[in-house]
C-alpha atoms as a PDB file:
ATOM      1  CA  UNK A   1     -19.425  92.202  92.481  1.00  0.00           C
ATOM      2  CA  UNK A   2     -22.977  93.264  93.206  1.00  0.00           C
ATOM      3  CA  UNK A   3     -25.265  94.618  90.493  1.00  0.00           C
ATOM      4  CA  UNK A   4     -28.291  96.747  91.324  1.00  0.00           C
ATOM      5  CA  UNK A   5     -31.166  97.074  88.913  1.00  0.00           C
ATOM      6  CA  UNK A   6     -32.514 100.619  88.543  1.00  0.00           C
ATOM      7  CA  UNK A   7     -36.284 100.390  88.687  1.00  0.00           C
ATOM      8  CA  UNK A   8     -37.147 104.011  87.828  1.00  0.00           C
ATOM      9  CA  UNK A   9     -37.301 104.672  84.070  1.00  0.00           C
ATOM     10  CA  UNK A  10     -35.111 107.552  82.934  1.00  0.00           C
ATOM     11  CA  UNK A  11     -38.154 109.404  81.638  1.00  0.00           C
ATOM     12  CA  UNK A  12     -39.480 109.721  85.204  1.00  0.00           C
ATOM     13  CA  UNK A  13     -36.318 111.293  86.626  1.00  0.00           C
ATOM     14  CA  UNK A  14     -36.836 115.037  87.000  1.00  0.00           C
ATOM     15  CA  UNK A  15     -34.072 117.104  85.431  1.00  0.00           C
ATOM     16  CA  UNK A  16     -34.226 120.821  86.170  1.00  0.00           C
ATOM     17  CA  UNK A  17     -34.616 122.833  82.986  1.00  0.00           C
ATOM     18  CA  UNK A  18     -32.385 125.826  82.393  1.00  0.00           C
ATOM     19  CA  UNK A  19     -33.274 128.510  79.899  1.00  0.00           C
ATOM     20  CA  UNK A  20     -30.482 130.822  78.825  1.00  0.00           C
ATOM     21  CA  UNK A  21     -30.946 134.541  78.406  1.00  0.00           C
ATOM     22  CA  UNK A  22     -29.142 136.172  75.450  1.00  0.00           C
ATOM     23  CA  UNK A  23     -26.635 137.647  77.920  1.00  0.00           C
ATOM     24  CA  UNK A  24     -25.931 134.217  79.450  1.00  0.00           C
ATOM     25  CA  UNK A  25     -25.403 132.722  75.995  1.00  0.00           C
ATOM     26  CA  UNK A  26     -22.962 135.500  75.130  1.00  0.00           C
ATOM     27  CA  UNK A  27     -21.083 134.943  78.406  1.00  0.00           C
ATOM     28  CA  UNK A  28     -20.878 131.193  77.702  1.00  0.00           C
ATOM     29  CA  UNK A  29     -19.479 131.940  74.240  1.00  0.00           C
ATOM     30  CA  UNK A  30     -16.899 134.407  75.601  1.00  0.00           C
ATOM     31  CA  UNK A  31     -15.880 131.950  78.321  1.00  0.00           C
ATOM     32  CA  UNK A  32     -15.334 129.154  75.784  1.00  0.00           C
ATOM     33  CA  UNK A  33     -13.285 131.474  73.542  1.00  0.00           C
ATOM     34  CA  UNK A  34     -11.173 132.644  76.493  1.00  0.00           C
ATOM     35  CA  UNK A  35     -10.615 129.036  77.545  1.00  0.00           C
ATOM     36  CA  UNK A  36      -9.440 128.031  74.070  1.00  0.00           C
ATOM     37  CA  UNK A  37      -7.014 130.951  73.870  1.00  0.00           C
ATOM     38  CA  UNK A  38      -5.668 130.236  77.352  1.00  0.00           C
ATOM     39  CA  UNK A  39      -5.169 126.532  76.516  1.00  0.00           C
ATOM     40  CA  UNK A  40      -3.245 127.466  73.354  1.00  0.00           C
ATOM     41  CA  UNK A  41      -1.029 129.781  75.390  1.00  0.00           C
ATOM     42  CA  UNK A  42      -0.338 126.914  77.796  1.00  0.00           C
ATOM     43  CA  UNK A  43       0.401 124.478  74.948  1.00  0.00           C
ATOM     44  CA  UNK A  44       2.898 126.942  73.462  1.00  0.00           C
ATOM     45  CA  UNK A  45       4.547 127.373  76.881  1.00  0.00           C
ATOM     46  CA  UNK A  46       3.704 131.071  76.961  1.00  0.00           C
ATOM     47  CA  UNK A  47       2.207 130.602  80.433  1.00  0.00           C
ATOM     48  CA  UNK A  48       2.720 128.098  83.258  1.00  0.00           C
ATOM     49  CA  UNK A  49       0.066 125.731  84.589  1.00  0.00           C
ATOM     50  CA  UNK A  50      -0.249 127.947  87.678  1.00  0.00           C
ATOM     51  CA  UNK A  51      -0.860 130.987  85.481  1.00  0.00           C
ATOM     52  CA  UNK A  52      -3.359 128.971  83.446  1.00  0.00           C
ATOM     53  CA  UNK A  53      -5.289 128.055  86.593  1.00  0.00           C
ATOM     54  CA  UNK A  54      -5.313 131.673  87.799  1.00  0.00           C
ATOM     55  CA  UNK A  55      -6.497 132.965  84.411  1.00  0.00           C
ATOM     56  CA  UNK A  56      -9.262 130.367  84.216  1.00  0.00           C
ATOM     57  CA  UNK A  57     -10.427 131.211  87.756  1.00  0.00           C
ATOM     58  CA  UNK A  58     -10.586 134.871  86.747  1.00  0.00           C
ATOM     59  CA  UNK A  59     -12.461 133.961  83.545  1.00  0.00           C
ATOM     60  CA  UNK A  60     -15.080 132.108  85.606  1.00  0.00           C
ATOM     61  CA  UNK A  61     -15.566 135.252  87.723  1.00  0.00           C
ATOM     62  CA  UNK A  62     -15.776 137.596  84.719  1.00  0.00           C
ATOM     63  CA  UNK A  63     -17.984 135.527  82.401  1.00  0.00           C
ATOM     64  CA  UNK A  64     -19.990 133.601  85.056  1.00  0.00           C
ATOM     65  CA  UNK A  65     -20.665 130.604  82.832  1.00  0.00           C
ATOM     66  CA  UNK A  66     -23.602 128.408  83.850  1.00  0.00           C
ATOM     67  CA  UNK A  67     -21.385 125.383  84.459  1.00  0.00           C
ATOM     68  CA  UNK A  68     -18.731 127.283  86.437  1.00  0.00           C
ATOM     69  CA  UNK A  69     -20.254 126.049  89.675  1.00  0.00           C
ATOM     70  CA  UNK A  70     -19.088 122.504  88.911  1.00  0.00           C
ATOM     71  CA  UNK A  71     -15.741 123.466  87.370  1.00  0.00           C
END
């Protein structure tokens, strides 16, 4: 096994800053709430995993959460 030492301190690594608008914060909140409800529906077998995936894809379109791009 080869180990590589990272020479750049973490403080020097540039991390892009993201500032939320009130509307973006509200969308994030609504997305999280919708996700929780959808997960509970799945846990109670009210929907299938395929339906869950379709609902979550639609939620990402509707609420446009900041992290949706990596989901």
